[in-house]
Amino acid sequence: MSETISQTVSDYVQAMTYADASLLRDVFDPRASIVGNYEGATEWLSLEDFIHQIRSADQGLQGQNPDFKILGIDKVGDSASVKLTTHFAGMDFSEYLSLLERDKNWTIIHKLYCLQG
């Protein structure tokens, strides 16, 4: 089970690294929220706002490689929480992803992040 969760997380990081809107829509539930403090303000984004932000930023550079480390997976039944660190656009983040299993697929329903100083 955690292999499938790990694959969803890996797909998420790849989608972020390459600003792949289609893959982001595959790994996130359309009702997902993306929340964190960034540049002095709290962001509370819908999935589509998040995708727009990523695609308009200086991400999606093909020379980048996905950079992340899963620090822990906590799974009970069809729910899971993943703690990970990521590196995007020269910044380091701590992230918590909440996932839900539906039809044997794990989907991210919430992302909480913190920019590391």
C-alpha atoms as a PDB file:
ATOM      1  CA  MET A   1       0.000   0.000   0.000  1.00  0.00           C
ATOM      2  CA  SER A   2       2.664   2.529   0.949  1.00  0.00           C
ATOM      3  CA  GLU A   3       4.369   1.878  -2.407  1.00  0.00           C
ATOM      4  CA  THR A   4       1.288   3.272  -4.137  1.00  0.00           C
ATOM      5  CA  ILE A   5       1.289   6.248  -1.763  1.00  0.00           C
ATOM      6  CA  SER A   6       4.980   6.777  -2.500  1.00  0.00           C
ATOM      7  CA  GLN A   7       4.261   6.659  -6.243  1.00  0.00           C
ATOM      8  CA  THR A   8       1.540   9.302  -5.880  1.00  0.00           C
ATOM      9  CA  VAL A   9       3.984  11.512  -3.961  1.00  0.00           C
ATOM     10  CA  SER A  10       6.682  10.931  -6.587  1.00  0.00           C
ATOM     11  CA  ASP A  11       4.212  11.847  -9.355  1.00  0.00           C
ATOM     12  CA  TYR A  12       3.258  14.984  -7.406  1.00  0.00           C
ATOM     13  CA  VAL A  13       6.889  16.122  -7.103  1.00  0.00           C
ATOM     14  CA  GLN A  14       7.496  15.410 -10.785  1.00  0.00           C
ATOM     15  CA  ALA A  15       4.384  17.420 -11.705  1.00  0.00           C
ATOM     16  CA  MET A  16       5.571  20.324  -9.536  1.00  0.00           C
ATOM     17  CA  THR A  17       9.101  20.217 -10.939  1.00  0.00           C
ATOM     18  CA  TYR A  18       7.963  20.298 -14.573  1.00  0.00           C
ATOM     19  CA  ALA A  19       4.805  22.431 -14.029  1.00  0.00           C
ATOM     20  CA  ASP A  20       2.762  19.557 -15.490  1.00  0.00           C
ATOM     21  CA  ALA A  21      -0.863  20.697 -15.096  1.00  0.00           C
ATOM     22  CA  SER A  22      -2.294  17.405 -16.359  1.00  0.00           C
ATOM     23  CA  LEU A  23      -0.319  15.305 -13.871  1.00  0.00           C
ATOM     24  CA  LEU A  24      -1.179  17.718 -11.032  1.00  0.00           C
ATOM     25  CA  ARG A  25      -4.861  17.211 -11.875  1.00  0.00           C
ATOM     26  CA  ASP A  26      -4.269  13.435 -11.785  1.00  0.00           C
ATOM     27  CA  VAL A  27      -2.684  13.372  -8.312  1.00  0.00           C
ATOM     28  CA  PHE A  28      -4.887  16.016  -6.624  1.00  0.00           C
ATOM     29  CA  ASP A  29      -8.610  15.844  -5.985  1.00  0.00           C
ATOM     30  CA  PRO A  30     -10.242  18.777  -7.839  1.00  0.00           C
ATOM     31  CA  ARG A  31     -11.550  20.079  -4.479  1.00  0.00           C
ATOM     32  CA  ALA A  32      -8.099  19.967  -2.830  1.00  0.00           C
ATOM     33  CA  SER A  33      -6.761  22.970  -0.961  1.00  0.00           C
ATOM     34  CA  ILE A  34      -3.149  24.083  -0.899  1.00  0.00           C
ATOM     35  CA  VAL A  35      -2.274  26.098   2.216  1.00  0.00           C
ATOM     36  CA  GLY A  36       0.881  27.697   3.584  1.00  0.00           C
ATOM     37  CA  ASN A  37       2.659  30.911   4.438  1.00  0.00           C
ATOM     38  CA  TYR A  38       4.625  32.298   1.508  1.00  0.00           C
ATOM     39  CA  GLU A  39       6.335  35.691   1.133  1.00  0.00           C
ATOM     40  CA  GLY A  40       4.724  37.047   4.302  1.00  0.00           C
ATOM     41  CA  ALA A  41       1.145  36.054   3.497  1.00  0.00           C
ATOM     42  CA  THR A  42      -1.017  32.997   4.019  1.00  0.00           C
ATOM     43  CA  GLU A  43      -1.938  31.308   0.753  1.00  0.00           C
ATOM     44  CA  TRP A  44      -5.133  29.282   0.637  1.00  0.00           C
ATOM     45  CA  LEU A  45      -5.413  28.117  -2.946  1.00  0.00           C
ATOM     46  CA  SER A  46      -7.769  25.950  -4.936  1.00  0.00           C
ATOM     47  CA  LEU A  47      -6.145  23.368  -7.192  1.00  0.00           C
ATOM     48  CA  GLU A  48      -6.705  25.478 -10.312  1.00  0.00           C
ATOM     49  CA  ASP A  49      -5.253  28.605  -8.658  1.00  0.00           C
ATOM     50  CA  PHE A  50      -2.279  26.518  -7.530  1.00  0.00           C
ATOM     51  CA  ILE A  51      -1.720  25.180 -11.063  1.00  0.00           C
ATOM     52  CA  HIS A  52      -1.950  28.695 -12.497  1.00  0.00           C
ATOM     53  CA  GLN A  53       0.593  29.943  -9.953  1.00  0.00           C
ATOM     54  CA  ILE A  54       3.051  27.138 -10.749  1.00  0.00           C
ATOM     55  CA  ARG A  55       2.716  27.562 -14.496  1.00  0.00           C
ATOM     56  CA  SER A  56       3.239  31.342 -14.301  1.00  0.00           C
ATOM     57  CA  ALA A  57       6.296  31.022 -12.028  1.00  0.00           C
ATOM     58  CA  ASP A  58       9.790  30.180 -13.189  1.00  0.00           C
ATOM     59  CA  GLN A  59       9.102  26.479 -12.821  1.00  0.00           C
ATOM     60  CA  GLY A  60       8.807  23.842 -15.469  1.00  0.00           C
ATOM     61  CA  LEU A  61      12.434  24.084 -16.486  1.00  0.00           C
ATOM     62  CA  GLN A  62      13.362  20.795 -18.049  1.00  0.00           C
ATOM     63  CA  GLY A  63      16.887  21.021 -16.626  1.00  0.00           C
ATOM     64  CA  GLN A  64      15.572  20.562 -13.083  1.00  0.00           C
ATOM     65  CA  ASN A  65      15.404  17.183 -11.424  1.00  0.00           C
ATOM     66  CA  PRO A  66      12.704  16.223  -8.908  1.00  0.00           C
ATOM     67  CA  ASP A  67      14.195  16.694  -5.440  1.00  0.00           C
ATOM     68  CA  PHE A  68      12.321  15.339  -2.426  1.00  0.00           C
ATOM     69  CA  LYS A  69      12.573  13.073   0.591  1.00  0.00           C
ATOM     70  CA  ILE A  70       9.680  11.270   2.248  1.00  0.00           C
ATOM     71  CA  LEU A  71      10.183  11.549   6.008  1.00  0.00           C
ATOM     72  CA  GLY A  72       7.174   9.493   7.034  1.00  0.00           C
ATOM     73  CA  ILE A  73       3.933   7.872   5.921  1.00  0.00           C
ATOM     74  CA  ASP A  74       1.079   7.325   8.373  1.00  0.00           C
ATOM     75  CA  LYS A  75      -1.684   5.166   6.890  1.00  0.00           C
ATOM     76  CA  VAL A  76      -4.920   3.970   8.457  1.00  0.00           C
ATOM     77  CA  GLY A  77      -7.461   2.291   6.195  1.00  0.00           C
ATOM     78  CA  ASP A  78      -8.115   4.493   3.179  1.00  0.00           C
ATOM     79  CA  SER A  79      -6.496   7.613   4.697  1.00  0.00           C
ATOM     80  CA  ALA A  80      -2.848   8.598   4.768  1.00  0.00           C
ATOM     81  CA  SER A  81      -0.631  11.491   5.766  1.00  0.00           C
ATOM     82  CA  VAL A  82       2.801  12.001   4.243  1.00  0.00           C
ATOM     83  CA  LYS A  83       5.537  14.257   5.628  1.00  0.00           C
ATOM     84  CA  LEU A  84       8.186  15.235   3.115  1.00  0.00           C
ATOM     85  CA  THR A  85      10.768  17.819   2.210  1.00  0.00           C
ATOM     86  CA  THR A  86      10.975  19.254  -1.300  1.00  0.00           C
ATOM     87  CA  HIS A  87      13.204  21.614  -3.217  1.00  0.00           C
ATOM     88  CA  PHE A  88      11.625  23.815  -5.914  1.00  0.00           C
ATOM     89  CA  ALA A  89      12.957  26.905  -7.675  1.00  0.00           C
ATOM     90  CA  GLY A  90      15.876  27.235  -5.264  1.00  0.00           C
ATOM     91  CA  MET A  91      13.682  27.014  -2.145  1.00  0.00           C
ATOM     92  CA  ASP A  92      13.309  24.272   0.465  1.00  0.00           C
ATOM     93  CA  PHE A  93       9.895  23.317   1.777  1.00  0.00           C
ATOM     94  CA  SER A  94       8.482  21.062   4.494  1.00  0.00           C
ATOM     95  CA  GLU A  95       5.170  19.597   3.381  1.00  0.00           C
ATOM     96  CA  TYR A  96       2.316  17.547   4.750  1.00  0.00           C
ATOM     97  CA  LEU A  97       0.070  15.820   2.232  1.00  0.00           C
ATOM     98  CA  SER A  98      -3.269  14.243   3.154  1.00  0.00           C
ATOM     99  CA  LEU A  99      -4.310  11.453   0.829  1.00  0.00           C
ATOM    100  CA  LEU A 100      -7.473   9.416   0.367  1.00  0.00           C
ATOM    101  CA  GLU A 101      -7.701   6.077  -1.404  1.00  0.00           C
ATOM    102  CA  ARG A 102     -10.556   5.744  -3.877  1.00  0.00           C
ATOM    103  CA  ASP A 103     -10.903   2.990  -6.469  1.00  0.00           C
ATOM    104  CA  LYS A 104      -7.438   1.666  -5.503  1.00  0.00           C
ATOM    105  CA  ASN A 105      -5.803   5.024  -6.279  1.00  0.00           C
ATOM    106  CA  TRP A 106      -4.349   7.486  -3.772  1.00  0.00           C
ATOM    107  CA  THR A 107      -5.344  11.113  -4.305  1.00  0.00           C
ATOM    108  CA  ILE A 108      -4.003  14.215  -2.544  1.00  0.00           C
ATOM    109  CA  ILE A 109      -6.875  16.050  -0.888  1.00  0.00           C
ATOM    110  CA  HIS A 110      -4.872  18.645   1.055  1.00  0.00           C
ATOM    111  CA  LYS A 111      -1.374  20.114   0.971  1.00  0.00           C
ATOM    112  CA  LEU A 112       0.061  22.124   3.875  1.00  0.00           C
ATOM    113  CA  TYR A 113       3.521  23.585   3.358  1.00  0.00           C
ATOM    114  CA  CYS A 114       6.133  25.691   5.089  1.00  0.00           C
ATOM    115  CA  LEU A 115       9.023  27.481   3.413  1.00  0.00           C
ATOM    116  CA  GLN A 116      12.272  26.682   5.208  1.00  0.00           C
ATOM    117  CA  GLY A 117      14.402  29.706   6.038  1.00  0.00           C
END
